[in-house]
Amino acid sequence: MPSVTLSSKFQLSIPKAIREEMQLHAGQKFAIITKGDTIVLAPIRRLDEVRGLLKGANPGKYRDHGERLERYK
């Protein structure tokens, strides 16, 4: 598992193998998510990069808003 060291300026460098695997580029924006003592960096993708990502997904198996509220009637 690759590791990085926090610099004196509080910066991290992402190893080249990970940058290439995840197709990251200079200037890429990240969402920072904290979970307990864990930090998750999630790349924020442009809309044109994620278009078609869910192609073929079957939304038919999900309940709609009305179904969730029926049990409270």
Protein backbone atom coordinates (compact mmCIF):
# COMPACT_ATOMS: atom_id res chain seq x y z
CA MET A 1 0.00 0.00 0.00
CA PRO A 2 1.52 3.35 -1.01
CA SER A 3 2.11 5.92 1.71
CA VAL A 4 2.80 9.65 1.70
CA THR A 5 4.27 12.11 4.20
CA LEU A 6 2.64 15.37 5.22
CA SER A 7 5.06 18.21 4.39
CA SER A 8 5.89 21.15 6.67
CA LYS A 9 3.41 23.15 4.54
CA PHE A 10 0.70 20.51 5.25
CA GLN A 11 0.75 19.22 1.67
CA LEU A 12 0.55 15.66 0.35
CA SER A 13 1.79 14.34 -2.99
CA ILE A 14 -0.26 11.61 -4.64
CA PRO A 15 2.02 8.84 -5.97
CA LYS A 16 2.31 8.65 -9.75
CA ALA A 17 0.87 5.11 -9.97
CA ILE A 18 -2.32 6.26 -8.22
CA ARG A 19 -2.56 9.46 -10.31
CA GLU A 20 -2.35 7.41 -13.50
CA GLU A 21 -4.72 4.69 -12.31
CA MET A 22 -7.38 7.25 -11.29
CA GLN A 23 -6.68 9.55 -14.27
CA LEU A 24 -6.03 12.58 -12.03
CA HIS A 25 -4.59 15.79 -13.43
CA ALA A 26 -2.96 18.97 -12.12
CA GLY A 27 -5.57 21.34 -10.72
CA GLN A 28 -7.97 18.48 -9.93
CA LYS A 29 -10.42 19.38 -7.15
CA PHE A 30 -11.17 16.98 -4.29
CA ALA A 31 -13.90 16.71 -1.69
CA ILE A 32 -12.43 16.07 1.76
CA ILE A 33 -14.50 13.73 3.90
CA THR A 34 -13.63 12.86 7.49
CA LYS A 35 -14.83 9.60 9.04
CA GLY A 36 -13.61 9.29 12.63
CA ASP A 37 -9.82 9.33 12.40
CA THR A 38 -9.83 8.70 8.63
CA ILE A 39 -9.56 11.29 5.84
CA VAL A 40 -11.04 10.43 2.43
CA LEU A 41 -10.12 12.43 -0.68
CA ALA A 42 -12.77 12.02 -3.36
CA PRO A 43 -12.02 13.55 -6.77
CA ILE A 44 -14.69 15.92 -7.99
CA ARG A 45 -15.34 15.06 -11.62
CA ARG A 46 -16.71 17.33 -14.33
CA LEU A 47 -20.17 16.47 -15.62
CA ASP A 48 -18.83 15.46 -19.04
CA GLU A 49 -16.43 12.99 -17.34
CA VAL A 50 -19.22 11.14 -15.53
CA ARG A 51 -21.82 11.22 -18.29
CA GLY A 52 -22.90 7.65 -19.02
CA LEU A 53 -21.47 6.32 -15.75
CA LEU A 54 -24.83 4.87 -14.71
CA LYS A 55 -25.83 3.69 -18.17
CA GLY A 56 -27.66 0.39 -17.90
CA ALA A 57 -28.56 0.87 -14.21
CA ASN A 58 -31.99 -0.52 -13.33
CA PRO A 59 -33.85 2.02 -11.15
CA GLY A 60 -36.96 -0.20 -11.15
CA LYS A 61 -35.98 -1.98 -7.96
CA TYR A 62 -35.98 1.20 -5.85
CA ARG A 63 -38.95 2.36 -3.81
CA ASP A 64 -40.39 5.76 -4.57
CA HIS A 65 -41.24 8.48 -2.05
CA GLY A 66 -44.89 7.45 -1.87
CA GLU A 67 -44.05 3.87 -0.91
CA ARG A 68 -41.92 5.00 2.01
CA LEU A 69 -44.72 7.14 3.38
CA GLU A 70 -47.47 4.47 3.06
CA ARG A 71 -46.49 2.77 6.31
CA TYR A 72 -47.19 5.97 8.26
CA LYS A 73 -50.80 6.29 7.07
